[in-house]
Structure formats: C-alpha cells, structure tokens
Amino acid sequence: MAKSTSSDVLTLIRSLRSAYAATPTNLKIIDLYVVFAIATAVIQVVYMGIVGSFPFNSFLSGVLSCVGTAVLAVCLRIQVNKENKEFKDLPPERAFADFVLCNLVLHLVIMNFLG
C-alpha cells in the first residue's frame, strides 16, 4: 500500500510541474517574489527563536511587513493572471499601481508601528 501512495505522490508532482511549466513568465516572477517574502518571514521567526525578541515591535514589524507584502503580491498575481475572468477589464498597469500604492500604505503603517 505504501508503494501505491508514493507513486501517487510522484504522479501528482509530475502533473503539477507540467502544469506550472505553462505558466507565463510574469506570474512566475511574482511567485518567486512571494516565496522570497515568506522565506524572509520564516528566517526572522527562526532568528527570534534563537536569539530572542528584545525589541518585540521590531520583530512584529518585520514579520508583518513580509507577510503583508506576500499577500499583496498574491493579490497582484490574481489580478494580472489572464485566465482569471473576474479582472478581465482591469489593465495590468492599474493592478501594478494598486500593488505599489498598497505597499506604500502598508510600509507607512509598519514604520509608524516601529515607533
């Protein structure tokens, strides 16, 4: 039974890889940015666990900045995706402008939280 499960997992991974190969390059770049933001948040949490969280506001600001940026990038990816029919009338330039403006507001709030 374990052999069929491992073959199912390998089949799933192959199908996901072949489906992702058809993804446009601009969406892959956004995906890479999301992975980078989440990895930075994980590194900050691990660092806090090892060293400590003396300036806790700084730790929270850093993690919330990374997670907020990742969420906004996922929203950008949804809006820029050509296969998404919900945002078909929204030009990619407008979606990117929204992303930049929301990131500006997010980081202004984060800087205010730092004190």
PDB file of N, CA and C in Angstrom:
ATOM      1  N   MET A   1       0.814  -1.191   0.000  1.00  0.00           N
ATOM      2  CA  MET A   1       0.000   0.000   0.000  1.00  0.00           C
ATOM      3  C   MET A   1       0.861   1.259   0.000  1.00  0.00           C
ATOM      4  N   ALA A   2       2.012   1.222   0.653  1.00  0.00           N
ATOM      5  CA  ALA A   2       2.885   2.394   0.676  1.00  0.00           C
ATOM      6  C   ALA A   2       3.455   2.680  -0.705  1.00  0.00           C
ATOM      7  N   LYS A   3       3.660   1.634  -1.512  1.00  0.00           N
ATOM      8  CA  LYS A   3       4.207   1.839  -2.848  1.00  0.00           C
ATOM      9  C   LYS A   3       3.217   2.593  -3.729  1.00  0.00           C
ATOM     10  N   SER A   4       1.960   2.285  -3.647  1.00  0.00           N
ATOM     11  CA  SER A   4       0.972   2.999  -4.464  1.00  0.00           C
ATOM     12  C   SER A   4       0.858   4.460  -4.016  1.00  0.00           C
ATOM     13  N   THR A   5       1.020   4.706  -2.722  1.00  0.00           N
ATOM     14  CA  THR A   5       0.963   6.077  -2.226  1.00  0.00           C
ATOM     15  C   THR A   5       2.149   6.886  -2.743  1.00  0.00           C
ATOM     16  N   SER A   6       3.333   6.304  -2.734  1.00  0.00           N
ATOM     17  CA  SER A   6       4.498   7.029  -3.229  1.00  0.00           C
ATOM     18  C   SER A   6       4.405   7.246  -4.736  1.00  0.00           C
ATOM     19  N   SER A   7       3.859   6.290  -5.461  1.00  0.00           N
ATOM     20  CA  SER A   7       3.696   6.500  -6.903  1.00  0.00           C
ATOM     21  C   SER A   7       2.636   7.560  -7.177  1.00  0.00           C
ATOM     22  N   ASP A   8       1.610   7.635  -6.331  1.00  0.00           N
ATOM     23  CA  ASP A   8       0.607   8.684  -6.483  1.00  0.00           C
ATOM     24  C   ASP A   8       1.214  10.060  -6.233  1.00  0.00           C
ATOM     25  N   VAL A   9       2.084  10.141  -5.253  1.00  0.00           N
ATOM     26  CA  VAL A   9       2.748  11.412  -4.951  1.00  0.00           C
ATOM     27  C   VAL A   9       3.641  11.820  -6.114  1.00  0.00           C
ATOM     28  N   LEU A  10       4.388  10.892  -6.666  1.00  0.00           N
ATOM     29  CA  LEU A  10       5.247  11.205  -7.810  1.00  0.00           C
ATOM     30  C   LEU A  10       4.423  11.635  -9.020  1.00  0.00           C
ATOM     31  N   THR A  11       3.297  10.985  -9.239  1.00  0.00           N
ATOM     32  CA  THR A  11       2.413  11.375 -10.338  1.00  0.00           C
ATOM     33  C   THR A  11       1.861  12.769 -10.115  1.00  0.00           C
ATOM     34  N   LEU A  12       1.495  13.064  -8.891  1.00  0.00           N
ATOM     35  CA  LEU A  12       0.987  14.397  -8.565  1.00  0.00           C
ATOM     36  C   LEU A  12       2.060  15.460  -8.790  1.00  0.00           C
ATOM     37  N   ILE A  13       3.275  15.198  -8.359  1.00  0.00           N
ATOM     38  CA  ILE A  13       4.363  16.162  -8.527  1.00  0.00           C
ATOM     39  C   ILE A  13       4.655  16.381 -10.004  1.00  0.00           C
ATOM     40  N   ARG A  14       4.665  15.317 -10.793  1.00  0.00           N
ATOM     41  CA  ARG A  14       4.904  15.464 -12.236  1.00  0.00           C
ATOM     42  C   ARG A  14       3.802  16.285 -12.896  1.00  0.00           C
ATOM     43  N   SER A  15       2.557  16.029 -12.519  1.00  0.00           N
ATOM     44  CA  SER A  15       1.459  16.774 -13.136  1.00  0.00           C
ATOM     45  C   SER A  15       1.494  18.251 -12.729  1.00  0.00           C
ATOM     46  N   LEU A  16       1.838  18.527 -11.483  1.00  0.00           N
ATOM     47  CA  LEU A  16       1.962  19.920 -11.060  1.00  0.00           C
ATOM     48  C   LEU A  16       3.103  20.617 -11.779  1.00  0.00           C
ATOM     49  N   ARG A  17       4.211  19.930 -11.948  1.00  0.00           N
ATOM     50  CA  ARG A  17       5.357  20.512 -12.646  1.00  0.00           C
ATOM     51  C   ARG A  17       5.031  20.797 -14.109  1.00  0.00           C
ATOM     52  N   SER A  18       4.336  19.882 -14.756  1.00  0.00           N
ATOM     53  CA  SER A  18       3.989  20.109 -16.166  1.00  0.00           C
ATOM     54  C   SER A  18       2.955  21.224 -16.306  1.00  0.00           C
ATOM     55  N   ALA A  19       2.035  21.336 -15.364  1.00  0.00           N
ATOM     56  CA  ALA A  19       1.051  22.417 -15.410  1.00  0.00           C
ATOM     57  C   ALA A  19       1.714  23.768 -15.131  1.00  0.00           C
ATOM     58  N   TYR A  20       2.675  23.791 -14.218  1.00  0.00           N
ATOM     59  CA  TYR A  20       3.349  25.049 -13.887  1.00  0.00           C
ATOM     60  C   TYR A  20       4.283  25.499 -15.012  1.00  0.00           C
ATOM     61  N   ALA A  21       4.733  24.576 -15.831  1.00  0.00           N
ATOM     62  CA  ALA A  21       5.602  24.937 -16.953  1.00  0.00           C
ATOM     63  C   ALA A  21       4.866  25.817 -17.957  1.00  0.00           C
ATOM     64  N   ALA A  22       3.541  25.696 -18.005  1.00  0.00           N
ATOM     65  CA  ALA A  22       2.745  26.506 -18.938  1.00  0.00           C
ATOM     66  C   ALA A  22       2.399  27.880 -18.374  1.00  0.00           C
ATOM     67  N   THR A  23       2.809  28.160 -17.146  1.00  0.00           N
ATOM     68  CA  THR A  23       2.515  29.447 -16.522  1.00  0.00           C
ATOM     69  C   THR A  23       3.352  30.543 -17.170  1.00  0.00           C
ATOM     70  N   PRO A  24       2.754  31.707 -17.434  1.00  0.00           N
ATOM     71  CA  PRO A  24       3.522  32.810 -18.034  1.00  0.00           C
ATOM     72  C   PRO A  24       4.667  33.272 -17.128  1.00  0.00           C
ATOM     73  N   THR A  25       5.669  33.865 -17.734  1.00  0.00           N
ATOM     74  CA  THR A  25       6.873  34.276 -17.009  1.00  0.00           C
ATOM     75  C   THR A  25       6.583  35.343 -15.961  1.00  0.00           C
ATOM     76  N   ASN A  26       5.697  36.292 -16.272  1.00  0.00           N
ATOM     77  CA  ASN A  26       5.421  37.350 -15.288  1.00  0.00           C
ATOM     78  C   ASN A  26       4.776  36.782 -14.028  1.00  0.00           C
ATOM     79  N   LEU A  27       3.966  35.745 -14.151  1.00  0.00           N
ATOM     80  CA  LEU A  27       3.385  35.114 -12.961  1.00  0.00           C
ATOM     81  C   LEU A  27       4.431  34.323 -12.184  1.00  0.00           C
ATOM     82  N   LYS A  28       5.374  33.727 -12.899  1.00  0.00           N
ATOM     83  CA  LYS A  28       6.454  33.007 -12.211  1.00  0.00           C
ATOM     84  C   LYS A  28       7.331  33.968 -11.407  1.00  0.00           C
ATOM     85  N   ILE A  29       7.550  35.169 -11.941  1.00  0.00           N
ATOM     86  CA  ILE A  29       8.342  36.171 -11.216  1.00  0.00           C
ATOM     87  C   ILE A  29       7.611  36.604  -9.954  1.00  0.00           C
ATOM     88  N   ILE A  30       6.307  36.795 -10.051  1.00  0.00           N
ATOM     89  CA  ILE A  30       5.523  37.157  -8.864  1.00  0.00           C
ATOM     90  C   ILE A  30       5.550  36.019  -7.850  1.00  0.00           C
ATOM     91  N   ASP A  31       5.464  34.772  -8.319  1.00  0.00           N
ATOM     92  CA  ASP A  31       5.550  33.624  -7.411  1.00  0.00           C
ATOM     93  C   ASP A  31       6.892  33.581  -6.687  1.00  0.00           C
ATOM     94  N   LEU A  32       7.952  33.888  -7.411  1.00  0.00           N
ATOM     95  CA  LEU A  32       9.280  33.913  -6.795  1.00  0.00           C
ATOM     96  C   LEU A  32       9.365  35.003  -5.725  1.00  0.00           C
ATOM     97  N   TYR A  33       8.751  36.142  -6.001  1.00  0.00           N
ATOM     98  CA  TYR A  33       8.717  37.240  -5.024  1.00  0.00           C
ATOM     99  C   TYR A  33       7.947  36.829  -3.771  1.00  0.00           C
ATOM    100  N   VAL A  34       6.838  36.118  -3.935  1.00  0.00           N
ATOM    101  CA  VAL A  34       6.055  35.649  -2.789  1.00  0.00           C
ATOM    102  C   VAL A  34       6.866  34.656  -1.966  1.00  0.00           C
ATOM    103  N   VAL A  35       7.542  33.740  -2.632  1.00  0.00           N
ATOM    104  CA  VAL A  35       8.376  32.764  -1.915  1.00  0.00           C
ATOM    105  C   VAL A  35       9.485  33.480  -1.149  1.00  0.00           C
ATOM    106  N   PHE A  36      10.100  34.489  -1.763  1.00  0.00           N
ATOM    107  CA  PHE A  36      11.148  35.253  -1.088  1.00  0.00           C
ATOM    108  C   PHE A  36      10.604  35.966   0.149  1.00  0.00           C
ATOM    109  N   ALA A  37       9.427  36.577   0.044  1.00  0.00           N
ATOM    110  CA  ALA A  37       8.848  37.299   1.188  1.00  0.00           C
ATOM    111  C   ALA A  37       8.523  36.339   2.327  1.00  0.00           C
ATOM    112  N   ILE A  38       7.945  35.192   2.009  1.00  0.00           N
ATOM    113  CA  ILE A  38       7.613  34.211   3.053  1.00  0.00           C
ATOM    114  C   ILE A  38       8.883  33.620   3.659  1.00  0.00           C
ATOM    115  N   ALA A  39       9.897  33.355   2.836  1.00  0.00           N
ATOM    116  CA  ALA A  39      11.160  32.832   3.367  1.00  0.00           C
ATOM    117  C   ALA A  39      11.819  33.846   4.299  1.00  0.00           C
ATOM    118  N   THR A  40      11.732  35.123   3.967  1.00  0.00           N
ATOM    119  CA  THR A  40      12.285  36.159   4.839  1.00  0.00           C
ATOM    120  C   THR A  40      11.543  36.189   6.172  1.00  0.00           C
ATOM    121  N   ALA A  41      10.230  36.025   6.145  1.00  0.00           N
ATOM    122  CA  ALA A  41       9.455  35.988   7.390  1.00  0.00           C
ATOM    123  C   ALA A  41       9.841  34.775   8.231  1.00  0.00           C
ATOM    124  N   VAL A  42      10.029  33.634   7.592  1.00  0.00           N
ATOM    125  CA  VAL A  42      10.418  32.419   8.326  1.00  0.00           C
ATOM    126  C   VAL A  42      11.800  32.594   8.941  1.00  0.00           C
ATOM    127  N   ILE A  43      12.725  33.190   8.206  1.00  0.00           N
ATOM    128  CA  ILE A  43      14.071  33.430   8.738  1.00  0.00           C
ATOM    129  C   ILE A  43      14.002  34.353   9.957  1.00  0.00           C
ATOM    130  N   GLN A  44      13.150  35.364   9.905  1.00  0.00           N
ATOM    131  CA  GLN A  44      13.002  36.273  11.048  1.00  0.00           C
ATOM    132  C   GLN A  44      12.436  35.554  12.259  1.00  0.00           C
ATOM    133  N   VAL A  45      11.472  34.664  12.039  1.00  0.00           N
ATOM    134  CA  VAL A  45      10.886  33.918  13.160  1.00  0.00           C
ATOM    135  C   VAL A  45      11.921  32.968  13.766  1.00  0.00           C
ATOM    136  N   VAL A  46      12.701  32.299  12.919  1.00  0.00           N
ATOM    137  CA  VAL A  46      13.749  31.403  13.422  1.00  0.00           C
ATOM    138  C   VAL A  46      14.802  32.199  14.190  1.00  0.00           C
ATOM    139  N   TYR A  47      15.198  33.343  13.677  1.00  0.00           N
ATOM    140  CA  TYR A  47      16.163  34.194  14.359  1.00  0.00           C
ATOM    141  C   TYR A  47      15.631  34.642  15.720  1.00  0.00           C
ATOM    142  N   MET A  48      14.348  34.994  15.749  1.00  0.00           N
ATOM    143  CA  MET A  48      13.744  35.411  17.015  1.00  0.00           C
ATOM    144  C   MET A  48      13.736  34.252  18.009  1.00  0.00           C
ATOM    145  N   GLY A  49      13.492  33.042  17.507  1.00  0.00           N
ATOM    146  CA  GLY A  49      13.502  31.882  18.390  1.00  0.00           C
ATOM    147  C   GLY A  49      14.876  31.569  18.943  1.00  0.00           C
ATOM    148  N   ILE A  50      15.915  31.809  18.161  1.00  0.00           N
ATOM    149  CA  ILE A  50      17.280  31.511  18.598  1.00  0.00           C
ATOM    150  C   ILE A  50      17.841  32.618  19.477  1.00  0.00           C
ATOM    151  N   VAL A  51      17.734  33.860  19.030  1.00  0.00           N
ATOM    152  CA  VAL A  51      18.391  34.974  19.707  1.00  0.00           C
ATOM    153  C   VAL A  51      17.506  35.598  20.781  1.00  0.00           C
ATOM    154  N   GLY A  52      16.231  35.697  20.506  1.00  0.00           N
ATOM    155  CA  GLY A  52      15.320  36.354  21.434  1.00  0.00           C
ATOM    156  C   GLY A  52      14.628  37.519  20.753  1.00  0.00           C
ATOM    157  N   SER A  53      13.617  38.025  21.426  1.00  0.00           N
ATOM    158  CA  SER A  53      12.813  39.087  20.801  1.00  0.00           C
ATOM    159  C   SER A  53      12.797  40.328  21.675  1.00  0.00           C
ATOM    160  N   PHE A  54      13.990  40.857  21.956  1.00  0.00           N
ATOM    161  CA  PHE A  54      14.022  42.019  22.848  1.00  0.00           C
ATOM    162  C   PHE A  54      13.217  43.191  22.303  1.00  0.00           C
ATOM    163  N   PRO A  55      13.530  43.724  21.127  1.00  0.00           N
ATOM    164  CA  PRO A  55      12.617  44.767  20.627  1.00  0.00           C
ATOM    165  C   PRO A  55      11.472  44.086  19.880  1.00  0.00           C
ATOM    166  N   PHE A  56      10.427  43.714  20.628  1.00  0.00           N
ATOM    167  CA  PHE A  56       9.337  42.919  20.049  1.00  0.00           C
ATOM    168  C   PHE A  56       8.612  43.671  18.939  1.00  0.00           C
ATOM    169  N   ASN A  57       8.529  44.997  19.045  1.00  0.00           N
ATOM    170  CA  ASN A  57       7.894  45.773  17.976  1.00  0.00           C
ATOM    171  C   ASN A  57       8.651  45.616  16.664  1.00  0.00           C
ATOM    172  N   SER A  58       9.966  45.563  16.737  1.00  0.00           N
ATOM    173  CA  SER A  58      10.758  45.390  15.522  1.00  0.00           C
ATOM    174  C   SER A  58      10.510  44.025  14.899  1.00  0.00           C
ATOM    175  N   PHE A  59      10.441  43.008  15.739  1.00  0.00           N
ATOM    176  CA  PHE A  59      10.158  41.666  15.229  1.00  0.00           C
ATOM    177  C   PHE A  59       8.790  41.614  14.561  1.00  0.00           C
ATOM    178  N   LEU A  60       7.770  42.128  15.247  1.00  0.00           N
ATOM    179  CA  LEU A  60       6.424  42.131  14.672  1.00  0.00           C
ATOM    180  C   LEU A  60       6.369  42.949  13.386  1.00  0.00           C
ATOM    181  N   SER A  61       7.037  44.072  13.367  1.00  0.00           N
ATOM    182  CA  SER A  61       7.044  44.903  12.156  1.00  0.00           C
ATOM    183  C   SER A  61       7.681  44.173  10.985  1.00  0.00           C
ATOM    184  N   GLY A  62       8.785  43.513  11.227  1.00  0.00           N
ATOM    185  CA  GLY A  62       9.449  42.786  10.151  1.00  0.00           C
ATOM    186  C   GLY A  62       8.619  41.646   9.605  1.00  0.00           C
ATOM    187  N   VAL A  63       8.036  40.856  10.497  1.00  0.00           N
ATOM    188  CA  VAL A  63       7.243  39.710  10.053  1.00  0.00           C
ATOM    189  C   VAL A  63       5.966  40.174   9.372  1.00  0.00           C
ATOM    190  N   LEU A  64       5.294  41.161   9.938  1.00  0.00           N
ATOM    191  CA  LEU A  64       4.063  41.655   9.324  1.00  0.00           C
ATOM    192  C   LEU A  64       4.341  42.331   7.980  1.00  0.00           C
ATOM    193  N   SER A  65       5.484  42.966   7.847  1.00  0.00           N
ATOM    194  CA  SER A  65       5.858  43.562   6.572  1.00  0.00           C
ATOM    195  C   SER A  65       6.035  42.478   5.510  1.00  0.00           C
ATOM    196  N   CYS A  66       6.719  41.407   5.860  1.00  0.00           N
ATOM    197  CA  CYS A  66       6.933  40.316   4.899  1.00  0.00           C
ATOM    198  C   CYS A  66       5.624  39.629   4.529  1.00  0.00           C
ATOM    199  N   VAL A  67       4.808  39.323   5.521  1.00  0.00           N
ATOM    200  CA  VAL A  67       3.540  38.634   5.252  1.00  0.00           C
ATOM    201  C   VAL A  67       2.590  39.551   4.477  1.00  0.00           C
ATOM    202  N   GLY A  68       2.525  40.823   4.856  1.00  0.00           N
ATOM    203  CA  GLY A  68       1.663  41.762   4.140  1.00  0.00           C
ATOM    204  C   GLY A  68       2.084  41.947   2.700  1.00  0.00           C
ATOM    205  N   THR A  69       3.382  42.014   2.467  1.00  0.00           N
ATOM    206  CA  THR A  69       3.891  42.140   1.109  1.00  0.00           C
ATOM    207  C   THR A  69       3.559  40.895   0.292  1.00  0.00           C
ATOM    208  N   ALA A  70       3.665  39.723   0.920  1.00  0.00           N
ATOM    209  CA  ALA A  70       3.330  38.485   0.211  1.00  0.00           C
ATOM    210  C   ALA A  70       1.844  38.443  -0.148  1.00  0.00           C
ATOM    211  N   VAL A  71       1.000  38.878   0.771  1.00  0.00           N
ATOM    212  CA  VAL A  71      -0.441  38.896   0.497  1.00  0.00           C
ATOM    213  C   VAL A  71      -0.763  39.858  -0.642  1.00  0.00           C
ATOM    214  N   LEU A  72      -0.151  41.023  -0.631  1.00  0.00           N
ATOM    215  CA  LEU A  72      -0.380  41.979  -1.712  1.00  0.00           C
ATOM    216  C   LEU A  72       0.145  41.457  -3.050  1.00  0.00           C
ATOM    217  N   ALA A  73       1.246  40.714  -3.021  1.00  0.00           N
ATOM    218  CA  ALA A  73       1.776  40.134  -4.255  1.00  0.00           C
ATOM    219  C   ALA A  73       0.846  39.040  -4.793  1.00  0.00           C
ATOM    220  N   VAL A  74       0.245  38.274  -3.897  1.00  0.00           N
ATOM    221  CA  VAL A  74      -0.728  37.267  -4.341  1.00  0.00           C
ATOM    222  C   VAL A  74      -1.937  37.956  -4.970  1.00  0.00           C
ATOM    223  N   CYS A  75      -2.370  39.059  -4.389  1.00  0.00           N
ATOM    224  CA  CYS A  75      -3.472  39.827  -4.989  1.00  0.00           C
ATOM    225  C   CYS A  75      -3.081  40.350  -6.371  1.00  0.00           C
ATOM    226  N   LEU A  76      -1.843  40.806  -6.510  1.00  0.00           N
ATOM    227  CA  LEU A  76      -1.353  41.256  -7.818  1.00  0.00           C
ATOM    228  C   LEU A  76      -1.360  40.108  -8.815  1.00  0.00           C
ATOM    229  N   ARG A  77      -0.938  38.933  -8.364  1.00  0.00           N
ATOM    230  CA  ARG A  77      -0.910  37.764  -9.250  1.00  0.00           C
ATOM    231  C   ARG A  77      -2.312  37.402  -9.720  1.00  0.00           C
ATOM    232  N   ILE A  78      -3.274  37.483  -8.834  1.00  0.00           N
ATOM    233  CA  ILE A  78      -4.660  37.179  -9.206  1.00  0.00           C
ATOM    234  C   ILE A  78      -5.165  38.177 -10.238  1.00  0.00           C
ATOM    235  N   GLN A  79      -4.838  39.440 -10.061  1.00  0.00           N
ATOM    236  CA  GLN A  79      -5.343  40.471 -10.966  1.00  0.00           C
ATOM    237  C   GLN A  79      -4.640  40.454 -12.325  1.00  0.00           C
ATOM    238  N   VAL A  80      -3.373  40.052 -12.367  1.00  0.00           N
ATOM    239  CA  VAL A  80      -2.602  40.068 -13.606  1.00  0.00           C
ATOM    240  C   VAL A  80      -2.830  38.797 -14.439  1.00  0.00           C
ATOM    241  N   ASN A  81      -3.293  37.736 -13.807  1.00  0.00           N
ATOM    242  CA  ASN A  81      -3.483  36.464 -14.493  1.00  0.00           C
ATOM    243  C   ASN A  81      -4.515  36.613 -15.615  1.00  0.00           C
ATOM    244  N   LYS A  82      -4.123  36.251 -16.822  1.00  0.00           N
ATOM    245  CA  LYS A  82      -5.003  36.386 -17.985  1.00  0.00           C
ATOM    246  C   LYS A  82      -6.172  35.398 -17.935  1.00  0.00           C
ATOM    247  N   GLU A  83      -5.993  34.269 -17.271  1.00  0.00           N
ATOM    248  CA  GLU A  83      -7.050  33.249 -17.214  1.00  0.00           C
ATOM    249  C   GLU A  83      -8.144  33.605 -16.213  1.00  0.00           C
ATOM    250  N   ASN A  84      -7.899  34.585 -15.360  1.00  0.00           N
ATOM    251  CA  ASN A  84      -8.894  34.993 -14.375  1.00  0.00           C
ATOM    252  C   ASN A  84      -9.896  35.931 -15.054  1.00  0.00           C
ATOM    253  N   LYS A  85     -11.120  35.477 -15.184  1.00  0.00           N
ATOM    254  CA  LYS A  85     -12.136  36.259 -15.906  1.00  0.00           C
ATOM    255  C   LYS A  85     -12.728  37.380 -15.054  1.00  0.00           C
ATOM    256  N   GLU A  86     -12.532  37.318 -13.749  1.00  0.00           N
ATOM    257  CA  GLU A  86     -13.112  38.327 -12.862  1.00  0.00           C
ATOM    258  C   GLU A  86     -12.478  39.703 -13.055  1.00  0.00           C
ATOM    259  N   PHE A  87     -11.189  39.738 -13.393  1.00  0.00           N
ATOM    260  CA  PHE A  87     -10.469  41.002 -13.559  1.00  0.00           C
ATOM    261  C   PHE A  87     -10.085  41.230 -15.016  1.00  0.00           C
ATOM    262  N   LYS A  88     -10.898  40.783 -15.953  1.00  0.00           N
ATOM    263  CA  LYS A  88     -10.537  40.898 -17.371  1.00  0.00           C
ATOM    264  C   LYS A  88     -10.515  42.343 -17.855  1.00  0.00           C
ATOM    265  N   ASP A  89     -11.315  43.225 -17.232  1.00  0.00           N
ATOM    266  CA  ASP A  89     -11.344  44.628 -17.653  1.00  0.00           C
ATOM    267  C   ASP A  89     -10.262  45.481 -16.987  1.00  0.00           C
ATOM    268  N   LEU A  90      -9.545  44.921 -16.037  1.00  0.00           N
ATOM    269  CA  LEU A  90      -8.526  45.659 -15.300  1.00  0.00           C
ATOM    270  C   LEU A  90      -7.181  45.547 -16.023  1.00  0.00           C
ATOM    271  N   PRO A  91      -6.618  46.655 -16.473  1.00  0.00           N
ATOM    272  CA  PRO A  91      -5.311  46.560 -17.147  1.00  0.00           C
ATOM    273  C   PRO A  91      -4.201  46.223 -16.142  1.00  0.00           C
ATOM    274  N   PRO A  92      -3.153  45.536 -16.595  1.00  0.00           N
ATOM    275  CA  PRO A  92      -2.060  45.154 -15.694  1.00  0.00           C
ATOM    276  C   PRO A  92      -1.360  46.354 -15.064  1.00  0.00           C
ATOM    277  N   GLU A  93      -1.320  47.479 -15.781  1.00  0.00           N
ATOM    278  CA  GLU A  93      -0.684  48.675 -15.228  1.00  0.00           C
ATOM    279  C   GLU A  93      -1.457  49.185 -14.013  1.00  0.00           C
ATOM    280  N   ARG A  94      -2.771  49.109 -14.071  1.00  0.00           N
ATOM    281  CA  ARG A  94      -3.598  49.542 -12.942  1.00  0.00           C
ATOM    282  C   ARG A  94      -3.399  48.599 -11.754  1.00  0.00           C
ATOM    283  N   ALA A  95      -3.326  47.298 -12.027  1.00  0.00           N
ATOM    284  CA  ALA A  95      -3.094  46.333 -10.954  1.00  0.00           C
ATOM    285  C   ALA A  95      -1.748  46.585 -10.286  1.00  0.00           C
ATOM    286  N   PHE A  96      -0.719  46.883 -11.081  1.00  0.00           N
ATOM    287  CA  PHE A  96       0.599  47.155 -10.510  1.00  0.00           C
ATOM    288  C   PHE A  96       0.595  48.461  -9.722  1.00  0.00           C
ATOM    289  N   ALA A  97      -0.124  49.469 -10.215  1.00  0.00           N
ATOM    290  CA  ALA A  97      -0.221  50.734  -9.481  1.00  0.00           C
ATOM    291  C   ALA A  97      -0.920  50.520  -8.142  1.00  0.00           C
ATOM    292  N   ASP A  98      -1.969  49.706  -8.119  1.00  0.00           N
ATOM    293  CA  ASP A  98      -2.634  49.369  -6.859  1.00  0.00           C
ATOM    294  C   ASP A  98      -1.678  48.656  -5.910  1.00  0.00           C
ATOM    295  N   PHE A  99      -0.883  47.739  -6.450  1.00  0.00           N
ATOM    296  CA  PHE A  99       0.089  47.000  -5.646  1.00  0.00           C
ATOM    297  C   PHE A  99       1.108  47.949  -5.013  1.00  0.00           C
ATOM    298  N   VAL A 100       1.618  48.879  -5.807  1.00  0.00           N
ATOM    299  CA  VAL A 100       2.621  49.825  -5.304  1.00  0.00           C
ATOM    300  C   VAL A 100       2.009  50.744  -4.244  1.00  0.00           C
ATOM    301  N   LEU A 101       0.815  51.252  -4.501  1.00  0.00           N
ATOM    302  CA  LEU A 101       0.154  52.141  -3.541  1.00  0.00           C
ATOM    303  C   LEU A 101      -0.152  51.418  -2.231  1.00  0.00           C
ATOM    304  N   CYS A 102      -0.658  50.199  -2.322  1.00  0.00           N
ATOM    305  CA  CYS A 102      -0.959  49.443  -1.102  1.00  0.00           C
ATOM    306  C   CYS A 102       0.312  49.087  -0.337  1.00  0.00           C
ATOM    307  N   ASN A 103       1.398  48.799  -1.054  1.00  0.00           N
ATOM    308  CA  ASN A 103       2.670  48.541  -0.381  1.00  0.00           C
ATOM    309  C   ASN A 103       3.177  49.790   0.326  1.00  0.00           C
ATOM    310  N   LEU A 104       2.991  50.928  -0.298  1.00  0.00           N
ATOM    311  CA  LEU A 104       3.393  52.192   0.330  1.00  0.00           C
ATOM    312  C   LEU A 104       2.615  52.421   1.631  1.00  0.00           C
ATOM    313  N   VAL A 105       1.316  52.212   1.591  1.00  0.00           N
ATOM    314  CA  VAL A 105       0.488  52.378   2.795  1.00  0.00           C
ATOM    315  C   VAL A 105       0.880  51.353   3.857  1.00  0.00           C
ATOM    316  N   LEU A 106       1.089  50.103   3.442  1.00  0.00           N
ATOM    317  CA  LEU A 106       1.492  49.062   4.392  1.00  0.00           C
ATOM    318  C   LEU A 106       2.781  49.433   5.095  1.00  0.00           C
ATOM    319  N   HIS A 107       3.764  49.887   4.346  1.00  0.00           N
ATOM    320  CA  HIS A 107       5.056  50.172   4.961  1.00  0.00           C
ATOM    321  C   HIS A 107       5.024  51.482   5.767  1.00  0.00           C
ATOM    322  N   LEU A 108       4.168  52.403   5.430  1.00  0.00           N
ATOM    323  CA  LEU A 108       3.975  53.580   6.288  1.00  0.00           C
ATOM    324  C   LEU A 108       3.386  53.169   7.638  1.00  0.00           C
ATOM    325  N   VAL A 109       2.432  52.251   7.618  1.00  0.00           N
ATOM    326  CA  VAL A 109       1.857  51.734   8.879  1.00  0.00           C
ATOM    327  C   VAL A 109       2.903  50.967   9.673  1.00  0.00           C
ATOM    328  N   ILE A 110       3.707  50.169   8.984  1.00  0.00           N
ATOM    329  CA  ILE A 110       4.771  49.400   9.663  1.00  0.00           C
ATOM    330  C   ILE A 110       5.786  50.353  10.302  1.00  0.00           C
ATOM    331  N   MET A 111       6.169  51.392   9.588  1.00  0.00           N
ATOM    332  CA  MET A 111       7.126  52.359  10.154  1.00  0.00           C
ATOM    333  C   MET A 111       6.524  53.105  11.348  1.00  0.00           C
ATOM    334  N   ASN A 112       5.235  53.367  11.287  1.00  0.00           N
ATOM    335  CA  ASN A 112       4.562  54.025  12.408  1.00  0.00           C
ATOM    336  C   ASN A 112       4.514  53.092  13.615  1.00  0.00           C
ATOM    337  N   PHE A 113       4.336  51.787  13.353  1.00  0.00           N
ATOM    338  CA  PHE A 113       4.292  50.810  14.450  1.00  0.00           C
ATOM    339  C   PHE A 113       5.643  50.663  15.130  1.00  0.00           C
ATOM    340  N   LEU A 114       6.713  50.863  14.374  1.00  0.00           N
ATOM    341  CA  LEU A 114       8.048  50.768  14.969  1.00  0.00           C
ATOM    342  C   LEU A 114       8.254  51.807  16.067  1.00  0.00           C
ATOM    343  N   GLY A 115       7.646  52.956  15.892  1.00  0.00           N
ATOM    344  CA  GLY A 115       7.718  53.965  16.932  1.00  0.00           C
ATOM    345  C   GLY A 115       8.767  54.980  16.744  1.00  0.00           C
TER     346      GLY A 115
END
